[in-house]
Amino acid sequence: MLKAPSTTSVGHDNDVDSEVLAARFRQAVEAFDSTPFADEESQWSLSMEELEHGIW
């Protein structure tokens, strides 16, 4: 039986600036596939912009 990972065991960067976290996430995604951020109006790009501005 598969067990869901515990959220307490995940390393969170709570003290890191949201722009830094967004940049790290974008870099990780683009290393796998560059198409999500290819269009500035894509949902991916808009979500990252919201994250960078602290909306989330």
PDB file of N, CA and C in Angstrom:
ATOM      1  N   MET A   1       0.837  -1.169   0.000  1.00  0.00           N
ATOM      2  CA  MET A   1       0.000   0.000   0.000  1.00  0.00           C
ATOM      3  C   MET A   1       0.892   1.246   0.000  1.00  0.00           C
ATOM      4  N   LEU A   2       0.567   2.204  -0.876  1.00  0.00           N
ATOM      5  CA  LEU A   2       1.318   3.448  -0.939  1.00  0.00           C
ATOM      6  C   LEU A   2       0.897   4.367   0.199  1.00  0.00           C
ATOM      7  N   LYS A   3       1.872   5.040   0.747  1.00  0.00           N
ATOM      8  CA  LYS A   3       1.619   5.959   1.842  1.00  0.00           C
ATOM      9  C   LYS A   3       1.941   7.376   1.382  1.00  0.00           C
ATOM     10  N   ALA A   4       1.047   8.291   1.654  1.00  0.00           N
ATOM     11  CA  ALA A   4       1.270   9.692   1.281  1.00  0.00           C
ATOM     12  C   ALA A   4       2.426  10.254   2.093  1.00  0.00           C
ATOM     13  N   PRO A   5       3.281  11.044   1.453  1.00  0.00           N
ATOM     14  CA  PRO A   5       4.399  11.639   2.192  1.00  0.00           C
ATOM     15  C   PRO A   5       3.892  12.611   3.246  1.00  0.00           C
ATOM     16  N   SER A   6       4.597  12.663   4.326  1.00  0.00           N
ATOM     17  CA  SER A   6       4.246  13.573   5.405  1.00  0.00           C
ATOM     18  C   SER A   6       4.675  14.983   5.039  1.00  0.00           C
ATOM     19  N   THR A   7       3.791  15.935   5.224  1.00  0.00           N
ATOM     20  CA  THR A   7       4.144  17.318   4.908  1.00  0.00           C
ATOM     21  C   THR A   7       5.148  17.871   5.901  1.00  0.00           C
ATOM     22  N   THR A   8       5.256  17.253   7.064  1.00  0.00           N
ATOM     23  CA  THR A   8       6.221  17.748   8.038  1.00  0.00           C
ATOM     24  C   THR A   8       7.643  17.362   7.674  1.00  0.00           C
ATOM     25  N   SER A   9       7.803  16.385   6.798  1.00  0.00           N
ATOM     26  CA  SER A   9       9.145  15.954   6.420  1.00  0.00           C
ATOM     27  C   SER A   9       9.684  16.713   5.203  1.00  0.00           C
ATOM     28  N   VAL A  10       8.837  17.540   4.604  1.00  0.00           N
ATOM     29  CA  VAL A  10       9.251  18.305   3.435  1.00  0.00           C
ATOM     30  C   VAL A  10       9.989  19.547   3.902  1.00  0.00           C
ATOM     31  N   GLY A  11      11.160  19.800   3.316  1.00  0.00           N
ATOM     32  CA  GLY A  11      11.922  20.992   3.681  1.00  0.00           C
ATOM     33  C   GLY A  11      11.331  22.219   3.019  1.00  0.00           C
ATOM     34  N   HIS A  12      10.836  23.136   3.812  1.00  0.00           N
ATOM     35  CA  HIS A  12      10.255  24.360   3.278  1.00  0.00           C
ATOM     36  C   HIS A  12      11.208  25.526   3.527  1.00  0.00           C
ATOM     37  N   ASP A  13      11.219  26.441   2.600  1.00  0.00           N
ATOM     38  CA  ASP A  13      12.060  27.632   2.711  1.00  0.00           C
ATOM     39  C   ASP A  13      11.183  28.811   3.103  1.00  0.00           C
ATOM     40  N   ASN A  14      10.626  28.761   4.291  1.00  0.00           N
ATOM     41  CA  ASN A  14       9.688  29.789   4.720  1.00  0.00           C
ATOM     42  C   ASN A  14      10.315  31.166   4.836  1.00  0.00           C
ATOM     43  N   ASP A  15      11.615  31.226   5.055  1.00  0.00           N
ATOM     44  CA  ASP A  15      12.272  32.521   5.221  1.00  0.00           C
ATOM     45  C   ASP A  15      12.877  33.057   3.928  1.00  0.00           C
ATOM     46  N   VAL A  16      12.639  32.385   2.820  1.00  0.00           N
ATOM     47  CA  VAL A  16      13.213  32.787   1.538  1.00  0.00           C
ATOM     48  C   VAL A  16      12.216  33.686   0.811  1.00  0.00           C
ATOM     49  N   ASP A  17      12.729  34.721   0.177  1.00  0.00           N
ATOM     50  CA  ASP A  17      11.917  35.664  -0.587  1.00  0.00           C
ATOM     51  C   ASP A  17      11.102  34.921  -1.644  1.00  0.00           C
ATOM     52  N   SER A  18       9.854  35.339  -1.839  1.00  0.00           N
ATOM     53  CA  SER A  18       8.975  34.668  -2.796  1.00  0.00           C
ATOM     54  C   SER A  18       9.516  34.745  -4.225  1.00  0.00           C
ATOM     55  N   GLU A  19      10.227  35.811  -4.567  1.00  0.00           N
ATOM     56  CA  GLU A  19      10.815  35.907  -5.913  1.00  0.00           C
ATOM     57  C   GLU A  19      11.908  34.860  -6.102  1.00  0.00           C
ATOM     58  N   VAL A  20      12.667  34.594  -5.059  1.00  0.00           N
ATOM     59  CA  VAL A  20      13.713  33.573  -5.123  1.00  0.00           C
ATOM     60  C   VAL A  20      13.081  32.191  -5.292  1.00  0.00           C
ATOM     61  N   LEU A  21      12.031  31.923  -4.521  1.00  0.00           N
ATOM     62  CA  LEU A  21      11.342  30.634  -4.639  1.00  0.00           C
ATOM     63  C   LEU A  21      10.745  30.457  -6.032  1.00  0.00           C
ATOM     64  N   ALA A  22      10.137  31.505  -6.564  1.00  0.00           N
ATOM     65  CA  ALA A  22       9.560  31.434  -7.903  1.00  0.00           C
ATOM     66  C   ALA A  22      10.648  31.173  -8.939  1.00  0.00           C
ATOM     67  N   ALA A  23      11.788  31.824  -8.796  1.00  0.00           N
ATOM     68  CA  ALA A  23      12.900  31.622  -9.736  1.00  0.00           C
ATOM     69  C   ALA A  23      13.416  30.185  -9.665  1.00  0.00           C
ATOM     70  N   ARG A  24      13.517  29.648  -8.448  1.00  0.00           N
ATOM     71  CA  ARG A  24      13.955  28.251  -8.295  1.00  0.00           C
ATOM     72  C   ARG A  24      12.970  27.301  -8.959  1.00  0.00           C
ATOM     73  N   PHE A  25      11.689  27.541  -8.730  1.00  0.00           N
ATOM     74  CA  PHE A  25      10.666  26.681  -9.317  1.00  0.00           C
ATOM     75  C   PHE A  25      10.701  26.760 -10.839  1.00  0.00           C
ATOM     76  N   ARG A  26      10.770  27.984 -11.353  1.00  0.00           N
ATOM     77  CA  ARG A  26      10.819  28.177 -12.811  1.00  0.00           C
ATOM     78  C   ARG A  26      12.029  27.453 -13.410  1.00  0.00           C
ATOM     79  N   GLN A  27      13.174  27.561 -12.750  1.00  0.00           N
ATOM     80  CA  GLN A  27      14.389  26.908 -13.230  1.00  0.00           C
ATOM     81  C   GLN A  27      14.224  25.390 -13.241  1.00  0.00           C
ATOM     82  N   ALA A  28      13.611  24.845 -12.203  1.00  0.00           N
ATOM     83  CA  ALA A  28      13.407  23.398 -12.132  1.00  0.00           C
ATOM     84  C   ALA A  28      12.467  22.922 -13.234  1.00  0.00           C
ATOM     85  N   VAL A  29      11.396  23.673 -13.484  1.00  0.00           N
ATOM     86  CA  VAL A  29      10.446  23.294 -14.533  1.00  0.00           C
ATOM     87  C   VAL A  29      11.105  23.409 -15.898  1.00  0.00           C
ATOM     88  N   GLU A  30      11.797  24.508 -16.136  1.00  0.00           N
ATOM     89  CA  GLU A  30      12.419  24.718 -17.450  1.00  0.00           C
ATOM     90  C   GLU A  30      13.534  23.722 -17.734  1.00  0.00           C
ATOM     91  N   ALA A  31      14.150  23.175 -16.706  1.00  0.00           N
ATOM     92  CA  ALA A  31      15.167  22.137 -16.916  1.00  0.00           C
ATOM     93  C   ALA A  31      14.528  20.880 -17.492  1.00  0.00           C
ATOM     94  N   PHE A  32      13.260  20.693 -17.193  1.00  0.00           N
ATOM     95  CA  PHE A  32      12.528  19.530 -17.686  1.00  0.00           C
ATOM     96  C   PHE A  32      11.808  19.840 -18.992  1.00  0.00           C
ATOM     97  N   ASP A  33      11.154  21.021 -19.053  1.00  0.00           N
ATOM     98  CA  ASP A  33      10.348  21.386 -20.220  1.00  0.00           C
ATOM     99  C   ASP A  33      10.199  22.912 -20.252  1.00  0.00           C
ATOM    100  N   SER A  34      10.670  23.547 -21.285  1.00  0.00           N
ATOM    101  CA  SER A  34      10.639  25.014 -21.355  1.00  0.00           C
ATOM    102  C   SER A  34       9.304  25.571 -21.840  1.00  0.00           C
ATOM    103  N   THR A  35       8.410  24.725 -22.317  1.00  0.00           N
ATOM    104  CA  THR A  35       7.168  25.243 -22.897  1.00  0.00           C
ATOM    105  C   THR A  35       6.200  25.887 -21.911  1.00  0.00           C
ATOM    106  N   PRO A  36       6.125  25.478 -20.620  1.00  0.00           N
ATOM    107  CA  PRO A  36       5.145  26.121 -19.737  1.00  0.00           C
ATOM    108  C   PRO A  36       5.326  27.633 -19.607  1.00  0.00           C
ATOM    109  N   PHE A  37       6.560  28.116 -19.698  1.00  0.00           N
ATOM    110  CA  PHE A  37       6.828  29.543 -19.535  1.00  0.00           C
ATOM    111  C   PHE A  37       7.172  30.237 -20.853  1.00  0.00           C
ATOM    112  N   ALA A  38       6.964  29.562 -21.963  1.00  0.00           N
ATOM    113  CA  ALA A  38       7.308  30.135 -23.264  1.00  0.00           C
ATOM    114  C   ALA A  38       6.439  31.354 -23.596  1.00  0.00           C
ATOM    115  N   ASP A  39       5.198  31.353 -23.134  1.00  0.00           N
ATOM    116  CA  ASP A  39       4.277  32.458 -23.371  1.00  0.00           C
ATOM    117  C   ASP A  39       4.092  33.218 -22.063  1.00  0.00           C
ATOM    118  N   GLU A  40       4.318  34.518 -22.082  1.00  0.00           N
ATOM    119  CA  GLU A  40       4.186  35.333 -20.870  1.00  0.00           C
ATOM    120  C   GLU A  40       2.765  35.356 -20.325  1.00  0.00           C
ATOM    121  N   GLU A  41       1.782  35.022 -21.152  1.00  0.00           N
ATOM    122  CA  GLU A  41       0.386  35.007 -20.725  1.00  0.00           C
ATOM    123  C   GLU A  41      -0.108  33.602 -20.384  1.00  0.00           C
ATOM    124  N   SER A  42       0.799  32.627 -20.350  1.00  0.00           N
ATOM    125  CA  SER A  42       0.380  31.269 -19.991  1.00  0.00           C
ATOM    126  C   SER A  42      -0.004  31.226 -18.515  1.00  0.00           C
ATOM    127  N   GLN A  43      -0.814  30.246 -18.147  1.00  0.00           N
ATOM    128  CA  GLN A  43      -1.219  30.127 -16.748  1.00  0.00           C
ATOM    129  C   GLN A  43      -0.009  29.937 -15.842  1.00  0.00           C
ATOM    130  N   TRP A  44       1.008  29.232 -16.331  1.00  0.00           N
ATOM    131  CA  TRP A  44       2.238  29.034 -15.557  1.00  0.00           C
ATOM    132  C   TRP A  44       2.900  30.376 -15.256  1.00  0.00           C
ATOM    133  N   SER A  45       3.063  31.190 -16.286  1.00  0.00           N
ATOM    134  CA  SER A  45       3.715  32.493 -16.112  1.00  0.00           C
ATOM    135  C   SER A  45       2.903  33.401 -15.199  1.00  0.00           C
ATOM    136  N   LEU A  46       1.600  33.406 -15.373  1.00  0.00           N
ATOM    137  CA  LEU A  46       0.748  34.245 -14.538  1.00  0.00           C
ATOM    138  C   LEU A  46       0.781  33.788 -13.085  1.00  0.00           C
ATOM    139  N   SER A  47       0.817  32.484 -12.861  1.00  0.00           N
ATOM    140  CA  SER A  47       0.899  31.965 -11.493  1.00  0.00           C
ATOM    141  C   SER A  47       2.223  32.344 -10.835  1.00  0.00           C
ATOM    142  N   MET A  48       3.309  32.279 -11.583  1.00  0.00           N
ATOM    143  CA  MET A  48       4.607  32.657 -11.026  1.00  0.00           C
ATOM    144  C   MET A  48       4.641  34.144 -10.696  1.00  0.00           C
ATOM    145  N   GLU A  49       4.003  34.946 -11.527  1.00  0.00           N
ATOM    146  CA  GLU A  49       3.943  36.383 -11.260  1.00  0.00           C
ATOM    147  C   GLU A  49       3.167  36.646  -9.964  1.00  0.00           C
ATOM    148  N   GLU A  50       2.068  35.920  -9.768  1.00  0.00           N
ATOM    149  CA  GLU A  50       1.296  36.065  -8.543  1.00  0.00           C
ATOM    150  C   GLU A  50       2.128  35.651  -7.329  1.00  0.00           C
ATOM    151  N   LEU A  51       2.882  34.575  -7.474  1.00  0.00           N
ATOM    152  CA  LEU A  51       3.737  34.114  -6.374  1.00  0.00           C
ATOM    153  C   LEU A  51       4.809  35.155  -6.056  1.00  0.00           C
ATOM    154  N   GLU A  52       5.438  35.689  -7.085  1.00  0.00           N
ATOM    155  CA  GLU A  52       6.490  36.685  -6.894  1.00  0.00           C
ATOM    156  C   GLU A  52       5.981  37.936  -6.189  1.00  0.00           C
ATOM    157  N   HIS A  53       4.709  38.277  -6.426  1.00  0.00           N
ATOM    158  CA  HIS A  53       4.130  39.483  -5.833  1.00  0.00           C
ATOM    159  C   HIS A  53       3.442  39.206  -4.497  1.00  0.00           C
ATOM    160  N   GLY A  54       3.588  37.978  -4.010  1.00  0.00           N
ATOM    161  CA  GLY A  54       3.034  37.642  -2.699  1.00  0.00           C
ATOM    162  C   GLY A  54       1.534  37.472  -2.656  1.00  0.00           C
ATOM    163  N   ILE A  55       0.920  37.281  -3.800  1.00  0.00           N
ATOM    164  CA  ILE A  55      -0.529  37.087  -3.844  1.00  0.00           C
ATOM    165  C   ILE A  55      -0.897  35.733  -3.222  1.00  0.00           C
ATOM    166  N   TRP A  56      -0.016  34.765  -3.330  1.00  0.00           N
ATOM    167  CA  TRP A  56      -0.272  33.434  -2.749  1.00  0.00           C
ATOM    168  C   TRP A  56       0.322  33.381  -1.396  1.00  0.00           C
TER     169      TRP A  56
END
